[in-house]
Amino acid sequence: MELITSPSTPGDDGRVKTRAFAAVVVLLVGVGCSDAKPAAAPTASASASASSPSPAPQTDPNYTPGRHNVSFDVNGTKRTAVLVVPNDLTHPAPVVFAFHGHGGNGALFDRREDIDGLWPDAIVIYPDGLPGHKGITDPDGSQPGWQVRPGDEGDRDLAFYDVMLSTLRVNLPVDNDRIFVMGHSNGSGFTALLWTLRGGDIAAIATLSGQPAELEFNVAPVRSMFLMMGKADPLVPFEQQRQAIPRAEAKLSIDPSTAKSDGYLTTEHGPNDIELDTYIHPGGHDVPDEVPPLIVAFFQRHTRRPTERHGHRAYRGAGRG
């Protein structure tokens, strides 16, 4: 697998960085290094223990600290992302996958949400979607987006995620117990799909302006969740999104007596340090500035427990046993 990187070029979209299944139907969505040998695309294999971190980073300039524009060969298709590598690579680092909404791109999502700026110790990757998914505001599917059901678009985005994670594990000191996934709108739909089909790898998720469907709650593993929704969302109605809250409470065995509210945020807990955060704001589809810091703090509180490692997909780079 070929991986090509180059330094990214800053851009200005008018906003500075803020701190700011086929049976499963996803509710929503979306507006709109290699070593000496190339890394191979991952294949499903027997479940493996992830109690130890990935190998130490290789001496590949593509994985030096900083922001890079990276590309991946995914079954012959070039896929791209913005990758931010932390300065300290002497210990296992958490990983955050951040998926933009329909019509967006990774660089814009980076500038708007600034997860890497809020969590400098994390490896943060902002992937780019491809045209093909038909969004609420894009019935022809001409704008970049993500699959939200198994089999959509040939599972191109599931394959993309697998290749990204495999490559990061080969080249950087990934903490396999602190892999997090978040997404906005259509990206939230893909986040829910990953929770359902790749949940063995994931420590916690955050879904913004679009929530998992009922069948996904039935199938996915128990993981801490952060749900954000706007009462005035013109694209994904609030009354539709709010149905996810009691489903999440049931899925996570939340104890209602643990609920604590702070502004728009309500935090509840279940067994084994499971946490449900719901952020309900009066606005629309966009992400309020105070939400990204709350998501980072939420992710920082969670680590995948040993009993949650079942279903972990074992990844190997080329030449690795």
Protein backbone atom coordinates (compact mmCIF):
# COMPACT_ATOMS: atom_id res chain seq x y z
CA MET A 1 0.00 0.00 0.00
CA GLU A 2 1.37 3.32 -0.94
CA LEU A 3 1.18 6.20 1.46
CA ILE A 4 2.17 9.62 0.28
CA THR A 5 2.37 12.59 2.55
CA SER A 6 3.34 16.18 2.31
CA PRO A 7 2.97 19.14 4.63
CA SER A 8 -0.50 20.57 4.52
CA THR A 9 -1.19 24.11 3.51
CA PRO A 10 -3.18 26.20 5.95
CA GLY A 11 -6.43 27.58 4.67
CA ASP A 12 -9.00 30.07 5.77
CA ASP A 13 -12.69 29.29 5.44
CA GLY A 14 -13.72 32.45 7.25
CA ARG A 15 -13.48 30.78 10.58
CA VAL A 16 -10.42 30.39 12.70
CA LYS A 17 -9.89 27.23 14.69
CA THR A 18 -12.27 27.08 17.59
CA ARG A 19 -11.88 25.45 20.87
CA ALA A 20 -14.58 25.06 20.23
CA PHE A 21 -26.00 -2.61 8.47
CA ALA A 22 -28.58 -4.64 4.82
CA ALA A 23 -30.78 -4.44 7.88
CA VAL A 24 -29.48 -1.46 9.66
CA VAL A 25 -30.89 1.87 8.65
CA VAL A 26 -29.04 4.83 9.96
CA LEU A 27 -31.10 7.71 11.24
CA LEU A 28 -30.09 10.82 9.26
CA VAL A 29 -27.96 12.16 7.68
CA GLY A 30 -25.74 14.35 6.21
CA VAL A 31 -25.78 17.59 4.68
CA GLY A 32 -25.11 18.50 2.27
CA CYS A 33 5.26 4.88 5.80
CA SER A 34 5.38 2.88 4.78
CA ASP A 35 8.27 0.65 5.99
CA ALA A 36 10.82 -0.73 3.62
CA LYS A 37 7.85 -2.73 2.37
CA PRO A 38 4.49 -1.03 1.71
CA ALA A 39 1.76 -1.67 4.24
CA ALA A 40 -0.85 -4.15 3.03
CA ALA A 41 -4.56 -3.49 3.18
CA PRO A 42 -5.92 -5.20 6.29
CA THR A 43 -7.87 -8.43 6.21
CA ALA A 44 -10.22 -9.87 8.82
CA SER A 45 -8.44 -12.39 11.01
CA ALA A 46 -8.74 -14.11 14.33
CA SER A 47 -9.35 -12.00 17.35
CA ALA A 48 -6.14 -10.75 18.93
CA SER A 49 -5.21 -9.29 22.23
CA ALA A 50 -4.59 -5.57 22.20
CA SER A 51 -3.22 -5.30 25.69
CA SER A 52 0.13 -4.09 24.42
CA PRO A 53 0.68 -1.02 22.29
CA SER A 54 1.52 -1.08 18.60
CA PRO A 55 5.18 -1.24 17.59
CA ALA A 56 7.40 1.76 18.13
CA PRO A 57 7.28 4.28 15.31
CA GLN A 58 9.46 3.68 12.28
CA THR A 59 11.99 6.23 11.07
CA ASP A 60 9.70 7.41 8.29
CA PRO A 61 9.65 11.16 7.73
CA ASN A 62 5.98 10.90 6.82
CA TYR A 63 5.23 10.20 10.46
CA THR A 64 7.20 12.92 12.09
CA PRO A 65 5.34 15.27 14.41
CA GLY A 66 3.19 17.86 12.71
CA ARG A 67 0.33 18.20 10.26
CA HIS A 68 0.47 16.22 7.02
CA ASN A 69 -1.72 15.73 3.97
CA VAL A 70 -1.73 11.95 3.53
CA SER A 71 -3.08 9.58 0.89
CA PHE A 72 -3.89 5.86 1.01
CA ASP A 73 -4.42 3.26 -1.73
CA VAL A 74 -7.72 1.60 -0.84
CA ASN A 75 -8.47 -1.14 -3.34
CA GLY A 76 -7.03 0.98 -6.12
CA THR A 77 -8.73 4.21 -5.08
CA LYS A 78 -6.74 7.10 -3.70
CA ARG A 79 -8.18 8.27 -0.38
CA THR A 80 -6.94 11.30 1.46
CA ALA A 81 -6.90 12.80 4.94
CA VAL A 82 -5.27 15.36 7.17
CA LEU A 83 -3.11 13.62 9.77
CA VAL A 84 -1.79 15.39 12.85
CA VAL A 85 1.05 13.62 14.68
CA PRO A 86 1.88 14.68 18.25
CA ASN A 87 5.31 15.84 19.29
CA ASP A 88 5.93 13.08 21.84
CA LEU A 89 6.10 9.63 20.24
CA THR A 90 7.91 7.93 23.12
CA HIS A 91 4.74 6.38 24.54
CA PRO A 92 1.43 4.98 23.18
CA ALA A 93 -0.82 7.76 21.95
CA PRO A 94 -4.62 7.90 21.68
CA VAL A 95 -6.16 8.15 18.20
CA VAL A 96 -9.17 10.22 17.18
CA PHE A 97 -10.90 9.72 13.82
CA ALA A 98 -12.98 12.82 12.99
CA PHE A 99 -15.44 12.51 10.07
CA HIS A 100 -16.86 15.63 8.43
CA GLY A 101 -20.44 16.11 7.30
CA HIS A 102 -21.82 15.77 3.78
CA GLY A 103 -20.21 18.23 1.41
CA GLY A 104 -17.28 18.92 3.70
CA ASN A 105 -13.69 17.80 3.86
CA GLY A 106 -11.13 16.86 6.47
CA ALA A 107 -9.16 20.09 6.38
CA LEU A 108 -12.27 22.19 6.98
CA PHE A 109 -13.41 19.91 9.81
CA ASP A 110 -9.94 20.25 11.33
CA ARG A 111 -10.09 24.02 11.24
CA ARG A 112 -13.57 24.14 12.70
CA GLU A 113 -13.28 21.56 15.48
CA ASP A 114 -9.53 21.69 16.23
CA ILE A 115 -9.42 18.34 18.04
CA ASP A 116 -5.64 18.15 17.70
CA GLY A 117 -5.23 21.61 19.18
CA LEU A 118 -7.42 20.65 22.12
CA TRP A 119 -5.59 17.33 22.61
CA PRO A 120 -1.95 17.80 21.55
CA ASP A 121 -0.94 14.34 22.83
CA ALA A 122 -3.35 12.56 20.47
CA ILE A 123 -2.92 11.29 16.92
CA VAL A 124 -5.82 12.94 15.09
CA ILE A 125 -6.91 12.09 11.56
CA TYR A 126 -9.51 14.02 9.57
CA PRO A 127 -10.41 11.85 6.54
CA ASP A 128 -11.99 13.08 3.31
CA GLY A 129 -15.22 11.55 2.04
CA LEU A 130 -15.98 10.83 -1.63
CA PRO A 131 -18.98 11.63 -3.83
CA GLY A 132 -21.62 8.93 -4.14
CA HIS A 133 -23.67 9.06 -0.95
CA LYS A 134 -26.95 10.87 -1.52
CA GLY A 135 -27.41 13.39 1.24
CA ILE A 136 -30.40 15.40 2.36
CA THR A 137 -29.22 18.46 0.48
CA ASP A 138 -27.46 16.49 -2.30
CA PRO A 139 -29.93 14.04 -3.91
CA ASP A 140 -27.50 13.27 -6.74
CA GLY A 141 -24.63 12.39 -4.42
CA SER A 142 -22.25 14.74 -6.17
CA GLN A 143 -20.61 16.03 -2.99
CA PRO A 144 -18.21 14.23 -0.65
CA GLY A 145 -19.83 11.99 1.95
CA TRP A 146 -19.81 8.68 3.76
CA GLN A 147 -21.61 5.35 3.57
CA VAL A 148 -24.12 4.82 6.38
CA ARG A 149 -25.20 1.18 5.74
CA PRO A 150 -23.20 -2.00 5.16
CA GLY A 151 -22.69 -2.49 1.45
CA ASP A 152 -23.31 1.12 0.47
CA GLU A 153 -20.86 2.30 -2.15
CA GLY A 154 -19.17 -1.12 -2.05
CA ASP A 155 -18.17 -0.62 1.58
CA ARG A 156 -15.52 1.79 0.35
CA ASP A 157 -15.47 3.79 3.57
CA LEU A 158 -15.27 0.77 5.88
CA ALA A 159 -12.26 -0.32 3.82
CA PHE A 160 -10.81 3.19 4.12
CA TYR A 161 -11.11 3.12 7.91
CA ASP A 162 -9.46 -0.31 8.04
CA VAL A 163 -6.52 0.84 5.95
CA MET A 164 -6.07 4.04 7.93
CA LEU A 165 -6.08 2.25 11.27
CA SER A 166 -3.77 -0.50 10.00
CA THR A 167 -1.31 2.06 8.68
CA LEU A 168 -1.32 4.10 11.86
CA ARG A 169 -0.66 0.97 13.91
CA VAL A 170 2.35 0.07 11.78
CA ASN A 171 3.91 3.50 11.79
CA LEU A 172 2.98 5.17 15.06
CA PRO A 173 2.76 4.09 18.72
CA VAL A 174 -1.02 3.69 18.77
CA ASP A 175 -2.66 3.06 22.12
CA ASN A 176 -5.07 0.31 21.05
CA ASP A 177 -7.25 0.88 24.10
CA ARG A 178 -7.81 4.57 23.31
CA ILE A 179 -9.21 4.72 19.78
CA PHE A 180 -12.08 7.17 19.42
CA VAL A 181 -14.45 8.02 16.59
CA MET A 182 -16.55 11.14 16.11
CA GLY A 183 -18.52 12.61 13.25
CA HIS A 184 -20.89 15.38 12.28
CA SER A 185 -24.14 14.83 10.36
CA ASN A 186 -23.40 12.30 7.58
CA GLY A 187 -20.07 11.72 9.34
CA SER A 188 -22.10 10.89 12.43
CA GLY A 189 -23.93 8.23 10.41
CA PHE A 190 -20.61 6.67 9.45
CA THR A 191 -19.44 6.89 13.05
CA ALA A 192 -22.53 4.90 14.09
CA LEU A 193 -21.76 2.31 11.40
CA LEU A 194 -18.20 1.97 12.66
CA TRP A 195 -19.50 1.56 16.21
CA THR A 196 -21.71 -1.27 14.95
CA LEU A 197 -19.19 -3.07 12.73
CA ARG A 198 -15.81 -2.08 14.17
CA GLY A 199 -16.81 -1.49 17.77
CA GLY A 200 -14.29 -3.97 19.15
CA ASP A 201 -11.58 -1.43 18.35
CA ILE A 202 -13.33 1.63 19.70
CA ALA A 203 -13.24 3.03 23.23
CA ALA A 204 -15.97 5.69 22.86
CA ILE A 205 -17.88 7.61 20.18
CA ALA A 206 -19.35 11.06 19.65
CA THR A 207 -22.23 11.66 17.23
CA LEU A 208 -23.12 15.24 16.33
CA SER A 209 -26.32 16.37 14.58
CA GLY A 210 -27.37 12.82 13.67
CA GLN A 211 -27.81 9.79 15.89
CA PRO A 212 -27.59 5.99 15.63
CA ALA A 213 -30.68 4.06 14.57
CA GLU A 214 -32.57 1.64 16.80
CA LEU A 215 -31.11 -1.48 15.15
CA GLU A 216 -27.61 -0.14 15.65
CA PHE A 217 -28.25 0.20 19.35
CA ASN A 218 -29.38 -3.45 19.32
CA VAL A 219 -26.23 -4.72 17.58
CA ALA A 220 -23.33 -2.48 18.61
CA PRO A 221 -21.19 -3.12 21.68
CA VAL A 222 -21.62 -1.13 24.87
CA ARG A 223 -19.43 1.95 24.67
CA SER A 224 -19.54 5.37 26.27
CA MET A 225 -21.34 7.87 24.03
CA PHE A 226 -21.55 11.61 23.50
CA LEU A 227 -24.71 12.72 21.65
CA MET A 228 -25.15 16.29 20.42
CA MET A 229 -28.36 17.63 18.88
CA GLY A 230 -29.95 21.00 18.17
CA LYS A 231 -33.58 21.77 18.89
CA ALA A 232 -33.77 23.94 15.77
CA ASP A 233 -31.90 21.57 13.42
CA PRO A 234 -33.45 22.15 9.98
CA LEU A 235 -31.93 19.01 8.43
CA VAL A 236 -32.20 16.23 11.02
CA PRO A 237 -35.29 17.01 13.14
CA PHE A 238 -34.72 17.20 16.86
CA GLU A 239 -37.75 15.01 17.62
CA GLN A 240 -36.13 12.31 15.51
CA GLN A 241 -32.71 12.68 17.06
CA ARG A 242 -33.94 12.73 20.65
CA GLN A 243 -35.25 9.16 20.27
CA ALA A 244 -31.64 8.09 20.59
CA ILE A 245 -31.45 9.22 24.21
CA PRO A 246 -33.70 6.57 25.84
CA ARG A 247 -32.20 3.96 23.50
CA ALA A 248 -28.72 4.90 24.65
CA GLU A 249 -29.79 4.92 28.28
CA ALA A 250 -31.18 1.39 27.90
CA LYS A 251 -28.18 0.16 25.90
CA LEU A 252 -25.71 1.47 28.45
CA SER A 253 -27.78 0.49 31.52
CA ILE A 254 -27.70 4.08 32.70
CA ASP A 255 -28.68 4.83 36.27
CA PRO A 256 -30.98 7.90 36.10
CA SER A 257 -30.01 8.92 39.61
CA THR A 258 -26.50 9.71 38.36
CA ALA A 259 -27.68 12.47 36.00
CA LYS A 260 -25.96 15.81 36.39
CA SER A 261 -26.60 18.84 34.20
CA ASP A 262 -24.33 21.75 33.41
CA GLY A 263 -25.81 24.16 30.91
CA TYR A 264 -26.80 22.23 27.80
CA LEU A 265 -24.82 19.14 28.87
CA THR A 266 -26.26 16.23 30.86
CA THR A 267 -23.93 13.46 32.05
CA GLU A 268 -25.17 10.05 33.24
CA HIS A 269 -23.35 6.87 34.21
CA GLY A 270 -23.83 3.13 33.97
CA PRO A 271 -21.87 0.10 35.20
CA ASN A 272 -18.11 -0.15 34.70
CA ASP A 273 -17.57 3.59 34.26
CA ILE A 274 -19.84 3.73 31.20
CA GLU A 275 -20.85 7.31 30.49
CA LEU A 276 -23.59 8.93 28.43
CA ASP A 277 -23.28 12.63 27.65
CA THR A 278 -26.13 14.41 25.92
CA TYR A 279 -25.67 17.97 24.74
CA ILE A 280 -28.96 19.54 23.66
CA HIS A 281 -28.64 23.12 22.47
CA PRO A 282 -31.20 25.59 21.11
CA GLY A 283 -29.42 26.02 17.77
CA GLY A 284 -29.41 24.24 14.45
CA HIS A 285 -27.22 21.76 12.60
CA ASP A 286 -23.81 23.28 13.24
CA VAL A 287 -21.51 22.36 16.10
CA PRO A 288 -21.44 24.98 18.86
CA ASP A 289 -18.00 26.24 19.79
CA GLU A 290 -18.05 24.78 23.29
CA VAL A 291 -18.72 21.21 22.08
CA PRO A 292 -15.26 20.14 20.79
CA PRO A 293 -13.58 20.78 24.17
CA LEU A 294 -16.36 18.80 25.86
CA ILE A 295 -15.81 15.90 23.44
CA VAL A 296 -12.07 15.88 24.06
CA ALA A 297 -12.58 15.89 27.82
CA PHE A 298 -15.13 13.05 27.38
CA PHE A 299 -12.69 10.98 25.30
CA GLN A 300 -9.90 11.59 27.80
CA ARG A 301 -12.00 9.98 30.53
CA HIS A 302 -12.35 6.67 28.69
CA THR A 303 -10.15 3.66 27.95
CA ARG A 304 -11.29 0.39 26.43
CA ARG A 305 -11.41 -2.21 29.19
CA PRO A 306 -9.85 -5.70 28.80
CA THR A 307 -13.31 -7.29 28.70
CA GLU A 308 -14.18 -5.08 25.72
CA ARG A 309 -11.34 -6.37 23.55
CA HIS A 310 -13.37 -9.24 22.10
CA GLY A 311 -13.94 -8.64 18.42
CA HIS A 312 -10.67 -6.73 18.05
CA ARG A 313 -9.53 -6.97 14.46
CA ALA A 314 -5.91 -8.02 14.11
CA TYR A 315 -3.99 -5.88 11.66
CA ARG A 316 -0.65 -6.69 10.06
CA GLY A 317 1.62 -4.66 7.88
CA ALA A 318 3.48 -6.30 5.01
CA GLY A 319 6.24 -8.56 6.25
CA ARG A 320 4.76 -8.82 9.71
CA GLY A 321 3.80 -12.24 11.12
